[in-house]
Amino acid sequence: MAGGAAYNFRTPLHIKQRNAQNIEIDADYRTEPFTPPVYYDIRVSTWQSDRGWELKFTHHKLILDNTPPEVQRFSITNGYNFLTLNRLWQSKGLTWSAGAGLVITHPESTIRNVPYPENKGIFNKGYYISGPALEAALAKRYFFADRWFILAEGRITASYVEVPVADGEAQVTSLALHGLLGLGFRFNR
């Protein structure tokens, strides 16, 4: 399990609502990684020699900083969650990975003074399977005991999602750099 933070590059945000002019901006997002719900990462991997596979879940957040006048609130903070399957390989003491998956979102928005209800989606809990994601990472494991290690990782993610808003949808493109630090356990030697 790891914690971390991310830097979000400016990316296009398109909001489309029925009977209203589209909103298109170059979105500037912050993440607030240490404000609950905090940024976290959980993964399980399996290795055979210097190659492996990894299933990873990362809880990330997007909070729009440069809201236009029509947007009172736009965030995806109870989760801009990445669920990815990654190929792993080790070289020169480093672990490289690349993979793909999907983004599970929990959008929160008020646009043109109309909030989108957060009790819809999967199990009426506000979550949606919203689009694809790609990622690539470079990590280093520092063993401090027989099977325990500290993991330091740098990662880049790219994704495109469509999330519901009142009377329409928002198309969100995300490109982010992530820095993670965590604790791991190796089950076999």
C-alpha atoms as a PDB file:
ATOM      1  CA  MET A   1       0.000   0.000   0.000  1.00  0.00           C
ATOM      2  CA  ALA A   2       1.282   3.449  -0.889  1.00  0.00           C
ATOM      3  CA  GLY A   3       0.358   7.082  -0.547  1.00  0.00           C
ATOM      4  CA  GLY A   4       1.356   9.936  -2.724  1.00  0.00           C
ATOM      5  CA  ALA A   5       0.468  13.010  -4.673  1.00  0.00           C
ATOM      6  CA  ALA A   6      -0.033  13.998  -8.283  1.00  0.00           C
ATOM      7  CA  TYR A   7       0.490  16.939 -10.573  1.00  0.00           C
ATOM      8  CA  ASN A   8      -2.277  17.386 -13.151  1.00  0.00           C
ATOM      9  CA  PHE A   9      -1.411  19.034 -16.441  1.00  0.00           C
ATOM     10  CA  ARG A  10      -3.924  21.444 -17.960  1.00  0.00           C
ATOM     11  CA  THR A  11      -6.272  19.472 -20.206  1.00  0.00           C
ATOM     12  CA  PRO A  12      -9.528  20.070 -22.107  1.00  0.00           C
ATOM     13  CA  LEU A  13     -12.843  19.983 -20.243  1.00  0.00           C
ATOM     14  CA  HIS A  14     -16.080  20.030 -22.263  1.00  0.00           C
ATOM     15  CA  ILE A  15     -19.442  20.334 -20.512  1.00  0.00           C
ATOM     16  CA  LYS A  16     -22.554  19.718 -22.592  1.00  0.00           C
ATOM     17  CA  GLN A  17     -26.067  20.347 -21.262  1.00  0.00           C
ATOM     18  CA  ARG A  18     -29.425  20.207 -22.980  1.00  0.00           C
ATOM     19  CA  ASN A  19     -30.727  23.611 -24.056  1.00  0.00           C
ATOM     20  CA  ALA A  20     -27.537  25.402 -22.990  1.00  0.00           C
ATOM     21  CA  GLN A  21     -24.366  26.575 -24.654  1.00  0.00           C
ATOM     22  CA  ASN A  22     -21.419  24.199 -24.286  1.00  0.00           C
ATOM     23  CA  ILE A  23     -18.681  25.104 -21.810  1.00  0.00           C
ATOM     24  CA  GLU A  24     -15.148  24.464 -23.040  1.00  0.00           C
ATOM     25  CA  ILE A  25     -12.102  25.328 -20.949  1.00  0.00           C
ATOM     26  CA  ASP A  26      -8.476  24.426 -20.515  1.00  0.00           C
ATOM     27  CA  ALA A  27      -8.981  22.839 -17.088  1.00  0.00           C
ATOM     28  CA  ASP A  28      -6.587  23.390 -14.199  1.00  0.00           C
ATOM     29  CA  TYR A  29      -7.094  20.711 -11.520  1.00  0.00           C
ATOM     30  CA  ARG A  30      -5.699  20.346  -8.017  1.00  0.00           C
ATOM     31  CA  THR A  31      -5.741  17.056  -6.095  1.00  0.00           C
ATOM     32  CA  GLU A  32      -5.567  17.733  -2.321  1.00  0.00           C
ATOM     33  CA  PRO A  33      -3.911  14.329  -1.754  1.00  0.00           C
ATOM     34  CA  PHE A  34      -3.771  14.649   2.049  1.00  0.00           C
ATOM     35  CA  THR A  35      -7.355  15.837   2.551  1.00  0.00           C
ATOM     36  CA  PRO A  36      -9.841  12.967   3.100  1.00  0.00           C
ATOM     37  CA  PRO A  37     -10.445  10.954   1.118  1.00  0.00           C
ATOM     38  CA  VAL A  38      -6.651  10.776   0.794  1.00  0.00           C
ATOM     39  CA  TYR A  39      -4.660   9.631  -2.219  1.00  0.00           C
ATOM     40  CA  TYR A  40      -3.812   5.927  -1.950  1.00  0.00           C
ATOM     41  CA  ASP A  41      -2.630   3.013  -4.065  1.00  0.00           C
ATOM     42  CA  ILE A  42      -3.116  -0.744  -3.549  1.00  0.00           C
ATOM     43  CA  ARG A  43      -1.559  -3.395  -5.775  1.00  0.00           C
ATOM     44  CA  VAL A  44      -1.005  -7.116  -6.039  1.00  0.00           C
ATOM     45  CA  SER A  45       1.673  -8.506  -8.324  1.00  0.00           C
ATOM     46  CA  THR A  46       3.008 -11.864  -9.365  1.00  0.00           C
ATOM     47  CA  TRP A  47       6.498 -12.499 -10.709  1.00  0.00           C
ATOM     48  CA  GLN A  48       8.218 -15.163 -12.747  1.00  0.00           C
ATOM     49  CA  SER A  49      11.944 -14.448 -12.934  1.00  0.00           C
ATOM     50  CA  ASP A  50      12.306 -10.765 -13.954  1.00  0.00           C
ATOM     51  CA  ARG A  51       8.807 -10.399 -15.503  1.00  0.00           C
ATOM     52  CA  GLY A  52       5.459 -10.025 -13.829  1.00  0.00           C
ATOM     53  CA  TRP A  53       1.856  -8.854 -13.836  1.00  0.00           C
ATOM     54  CA  GLU A  54       0.204  -6.394 -11.510  1.00  0.00           C
ATOM     55  CA  LEU A  55      -3.362  -5.433 -10.663  1.00  0.00           C
ATOM     56  CA  LYS A  56      -3.429  -1.903  -9.297  1.00  0.00           C
ATOM     57  CA  PHE A  57      -6.093   0.375  -7.789  1.00  0.00           C
ATOM     58  CA  THR A  58      -5.236   4.061  -7.313  1.00  0.00           C
ATOM     59  CA  HIS A  59      -7.542   6.593  -5.656  1.00  0.00           C
ATOM     60  CA  HIS A  60      -6.868   9.986  -7.259  1.00  0.00           C
ATOM     61  CA  LYS A  61      -8.896  13.233  -7.142  1.00  0.00           C
ATOM     62  CA  LEU A  62      -9.585  16.084  -9.557  1.00  0.00           C
ATOM     63  CA  ILE A  63     -10.873  19.456  -8.303  1.00  0.00           C
ATOM     64  CA  LEU A  64     -11.381  22.166 -10.918  1.00  0.00           C
ATOM     65  CA  ASP A  65      -9.567  25.363  -9.907  1.00  0.00           C
ATOM     66  CA  ASN A  66     -10.426  27.658 -12.808  1.00  0.00           C
ATOM     67  CA  THR A  67     -14.210  27.427 -12.737  1.00  0.00           C
ATOM     68  CA  PRO A  68     -15.989  29.616 -15.290  1.00  0.00           C
ATOM     69  CA  PRO A  69     -19.009  31.639 -14.080  1.00  0.00           C
ATOM     70  CA  GLU A  70     -21.477  28.910 -15.150  1.00  0.00           C
ATOM     71  CA  VAL A  71     -19.712  26.302 -12.980  1.00  0.00           C
ATOM     72  CA  GLN A  72     -20.140  26.656  -9.232  1.00  0.00           C
ATOM     73  CA  ARG A  73     -18.438  23.316  -8.463  1.00  0.00           C
ATOM     74  CA  PHE A  74     -16.801  20.552 -10.499  1.00  0.00           C
ATOM     75  CA  SER A  75     -14.794  17.813  -8.847  1.00  0.00           C
ATOM     76  CA  ILE A  76     -14.263  14.080  -8.905  1.00  0.00           C
ATOM     77  CA  THR A  77     -13.043  13.596  -5.339  1.00  0.00           C
ATOM     78  CA  ASN A  78     -14.593  10.488  -3.889  1.00  0.00           C
ATOM     79  CA  GLY A  79     -12.657   8.966  -6.650  1.00  0.00           C
ATOM     80  CA  TYR A  80     -11.021   9.468  -9.967  1.00  0.00           C
ATOM     81  CA  ASN A  81     -10.034   5.851  -9.431  1.00  0.00           C
ATOM     82  CA  PHE A  82      -7.703   3.948 -11.738  1.00  0.00           C
ATOM     83  CA  LEU A  83      -8.088   0.165 -11.974  1.00  0.00           C
ATOM     84  CA  THR A  84      -5.278  -1.102 -14.207  1.00  0.00           C
ATOM     85  CA  LEU A  85      -3.561  -4.292 -15.271  1.00  0.00           C
ATOM     86  CA  ASN A  86       0.158  -3.750 -15.811  1.00  0.00           C
ATOM     87  CA  ARG A  87       3.043  -5.703 -17.292  1.00  0.00           C
ATOM     88  CA  LEU A  88       6.153  -5.538 -15.101  1.00  0.00           C
ATOM     89  CA  TRP A  89       9.810  -6.128 -15.826  1.00  0.00           C
ATOM     90  CA  GLN A  90      12.983  -5.590 -13.818  1.00  0.00           C
ATOM     91  CA  SER A  91      16.190  -4.138 -15.156  1.00  0.00           C
ATOM     92  CA  LYS A  92      19.226  -2.805 -13.274  1.00  0.00           C
ATOM     93  CA  GLY A  93      17.440  -2.886  -9.921  1.00  0.00           C
ATOM     94  CA  LEU A  94      14.422  -0.930 -11.145  1.00  0.00           C
ATOM     95  CA  THR A  95      10.892  -2.088 -11.856  1.00  0.00           C
ATOM     96  CA  TRP A  96       9.334  -0.774 -15.055  1.00  0.00           C
ATOM     97  CA  SER A  97       5.622  -1.111 -15.756  1.00  0.00           C
ATOM     98  CA  ALA A  98       3.087  -0.240 -18.407  1.00  0.00           C
ATOM     99  CA  GLY A  99      -0.586  -0.995 -18.495  1.00  0.00           C
ATOM    100  CA  ALA A 100      -4.152  -0.074 -19.202  1.00  0.00           C
ATOM    101  CA  GLY A 101      -7.480  -0.195 -17.479  1.00  0.00           C
ATOM    102  CA  LEU A 102     -10.479   1.892 -16.633  1.00  0.00           C
ATOM    103  CA  VAL A 103     -11.441   4.859 -14.523  1.00  0.00           C
ATOM    104  CA  ILE A 104     -14.177   4.609 -11.910  1.00  0.00           C
ATOM    105  CA  THR A 105     -15.427   8.082 -11.032  1.00  0.00           C
ATOM    106  CA  HIS A 106     -17.558   9.754  -8.390  1.00  0.00           C
ATOM    107  CA  PRO A 107     -18.460  13.138  -9.950  1.00  0.00           C
ATOM    108  CA  GLU A 108     -19.669  16.059  -7.840  1.00  0.00           C
ATOM    109  CA  SER A 109     -20.850  19.147  -9.687  1.00  0.00           C
ATOM    110  CA  THR A 110     -23.112  22.184  -9.644  1.00  0.00           C
ATOM    111  CA  ILE A 111     -23.471  23.794 -13.055  1.00  0.00           C
ATOM    112  CA  ARG A 112     -25.694  26.775 -13.782  1.00  0.00           C
ATOM    113  CA  ASN A 113     -26.820  26.497 -10.144  1.00  0.00           C
ATOM    114  CA  VAL A 114     -28.150  22.949 -10.630  1.00  0.00           C
ATOM    115  CA  PRO A 115     -26.380  20.225  -8.625  1.00  0.00           C
ATOM    116  CA  TYR A 116     -26.020  16.730 -10.009  1.00  0.00           C
ATOM    117  CA  PRO A 117     -27.385  14.171  -7.496  1.00  0.00           C
ATOM    118  CA  GLU A 118     -24.697  11.943  -5.972  1.00  0.00           C
ATOM    119  CA  ASN A 119     -27.046   9.011  -5.282  1.00  0.00           C
ATOM    120  CA  LYS A 120     -27.124   7.567  -8.793  1.00  0.00           C
ATOM    121  CA  GLY A 121     -24.679   5.288 -10.621  1.00  0.00           C
ATOM    122  CA  ILE A 122     -23.396   1.914  -9.378  1.00  0.00           C
ATOM    123  CA  PHE A 123     -25.507   0.719  -6.416  1.00  0.00           C
ATOM    124  CA  ASN A 124     -26.900   4.288  -6.187  1.00  0.00           C
ATOM    125  CA  LYS A 125     -23.619   5.351  -4.540  1.00  0.00           C
ATOM    126  CA  GLY A 126     -22.534   7.902  -7.167  1.00  0.00           C
ATOM    127  CA  TYR A 127     -19.862   5.783  -8.867  1.00  0.00           C
ATOM    128  CA  TYR A 128     -19.575   5.287 -12.634  1.00  0.00           C
ATOM    129  CA  ILE A 129     -17.312   3.281 -14.927  1.00  0.00           C
ATOM    130  CA  SER A 130     -16.388   6.278 -17.041  1.00  0.00           C
ATOM    131  CA  GLY A 131     -13.588   5.582 -19.506  1.00  0.00           C
ATOM    132  CA  PRO A 132     -10.160   4.143 -20.354  1.00  0.00           C
ATOM    133  CA  ALA A 133      -6.783   4.829 -18.759  1.00  0.00           C
ATOM    134  CA  LEU A 134      -3.151   4.210 -19.669  1.00  0.00           C
ATOM    135  CA  GLU A 135      -0.169   4.327 -17.343  1.00  0.00           C
ATOM    136  CA  ALA A 136       3.581   3.836 -17.240  1.00  0.00           C
ATOM    137  CA  ALA A 137       5.779   3.787 -14.145  1.00  0.00           C
ATOM    138  CA  LEU A 138       9.288   3.372 -12.822  1.00  0.00           C
ATOM    139  CA  ALA A 139       9.765   2.056  -9.270  1.00  0.00           C
ATOM    140  CA  LYS A 140      12.502   1.095  -6.855  1.00  0.00           C
ATOM    141  CA  ARG A 141      12.093  -1.343  -3.979  1.00  0.00           C
ATOM    142  CA  TYR A 142      14.321  -0.952  -0.898  1.00  0.00           C
ATOM    143  CA  PHE A 143      14.281  -4.121   1.225  1.00  0.00           C
ATOM    144  CA  PHE A 144      14.772  -3.460   4.938  1.00  0.00           C
ATOM    145  CA  ALA A 145      13.896  -6.977   6.145  1.00  0.00           C
ATOM    146  CA  ASP A 146      13.728 -10.430   4.619  1.00  0.00           C
ATOM    147  CA  ARG A 147      10.386  -9.825   2.877  1.00  0.00           C
ATOM    148  CA  TRP A 148       9.447  -6.216   3.704  1.00  0.00           C
ATOM    149  CA  PHE A 149      10.313  -3.304   1.437  1.00  0.00           C
ATOM    150  CA  ILE A 150       9.718   0.389   0.872  1.00  0.00           C
ATOM    151  CA  LEU A 151       8.482   1.260  -2.606  1.00  0.00           C
ATOM    152  CA  ALA A 152       9.205   4.580  -4.325  1.00  0.00           C
ATOM    153  CA  GLU A 153       7.492   5.112  -7.676  1.00  0.00           C
ATOM    154  CA  GLY A 154       7.056   7.755 -10.350  1.00  0.00           C
ATOM    155  CA  ARG A 155       4.130   7.277 -12.713  1.00  0.00           C
ATOM    156  CA  ILE A 156       2.361   9.011 -15.584  1.00  0.00           C
ATOM    157  CA  THR A 157      -1.330   8.441 -16.306  1.00  0.00           C
ATOM    158  CA  ALA A 158      -3.499   9.452 -19.239  1.00  0.00           C
ATOM    159  CA  SER A 159      -7.262   9.009 -19.328  1.00  0.00           C
ATOM    160  CA  TYR A 160     -10.466  10.156 -20.938  1.00  0.00           C
ATOM    161  CA  VAL A 161     -13.812   9.922 -19.151  1.00  0.00           C
ATOM    162  CA  GLU A 162     -17.376  11.058 -19.577  1.00  0.00           C
ATOM    163  CA  VAL A 163     -19.218  11.849 -16.355  1.00  0.00           C
ATOM    164  CA  PRO A 164     -22.812  12.933 -15.822  1.00  0.00           C
ATOM    165  CA  VAL A 165     -23.734  16.493 -14.859  1.00  0.00           C
ATOM    166  CA  ALA A 166     -27.173  18.056 -14.429  1.00  0.00           C
ATOM    167  CA  ASP A 167     -28.965  17.795 -17.804  1.00  0.00           C
ATOM    168  CA  GLY A 168     -25.881  16.525 -19.626  1.00  0.00           C
ATOM    169  CA  GLU A 169     -22.336  15.260 -19.411  1.00  0.00           C
ATOM    170  CA  ALA A 170     -18.755  16.415 -19.009  1.00  0.00           C
ATOM    171  CA  GLN A 171     -15.883  15.085 -21.092  1.00  0.00           C
ATOM    172  CA  VAL A 172     -12.727  15.072 -18.984  1.00  0.00           C
ATOM    173  CA  THR A 173      -9.218  14.445 -20.275  1.00  0.00           C
ATOM    174  CA  SER A 174      -6.568  13.882 -17.620  1.00  0.00           C
ATOM    175  CA  LEU A 175      -2.795  13.722 -17.870  1.00  0.00           C
ATOM    176  CA  ALA A 176      -0.951  13.491 -14.550  1.00  0.00           C
ATOM    177  CA  LEU A 177       2.419  12.755 -12.969  1.00  0.00           C
ATOM    178  CA  HIS A 178       2.248  10.769  -9.721  1.00  0.00           C
ATOM    179  CA  GLY A 179       4.815  10.301  -6.975  1.00  0.00           C
ATOM    180  CA  LEU A 180       4.245   7.441  -4.527  1.00  0.00           C
ATOM    181  CA  LEU A 181       5.892   6.058  -1.414  1.00  0.00           C
ATOM    182  CA  GLY A 182       4.687   2.937   0.321  1.00  0.00           C
ATOM    183  CA  LEU A 183       5.281  -0.286   2.155  1.00  0.00           C
ATOM    184  CA  GLY A 184       5.240  -3.737   0.562  1.00  0.00           C
ATOM    185  CA  PHE A 185       5.544  -7.407   1.464  1.00  0.00           C
ATOM    186  CA  ARG A 186       6.916 -10.214  -0.699  1.00  0.00           C
ATOM    187  CA  PHE A 187       5.215 -13.574  -0.003  1.00  0.00           C
ATOM    188  CA  ASN A 188       7.808 -15.833  -1.631  1.00  0.00           C
ATOM    189  CA  ARG A 189      11.526 -15.552  -2.276  1.00  0.00           C
END
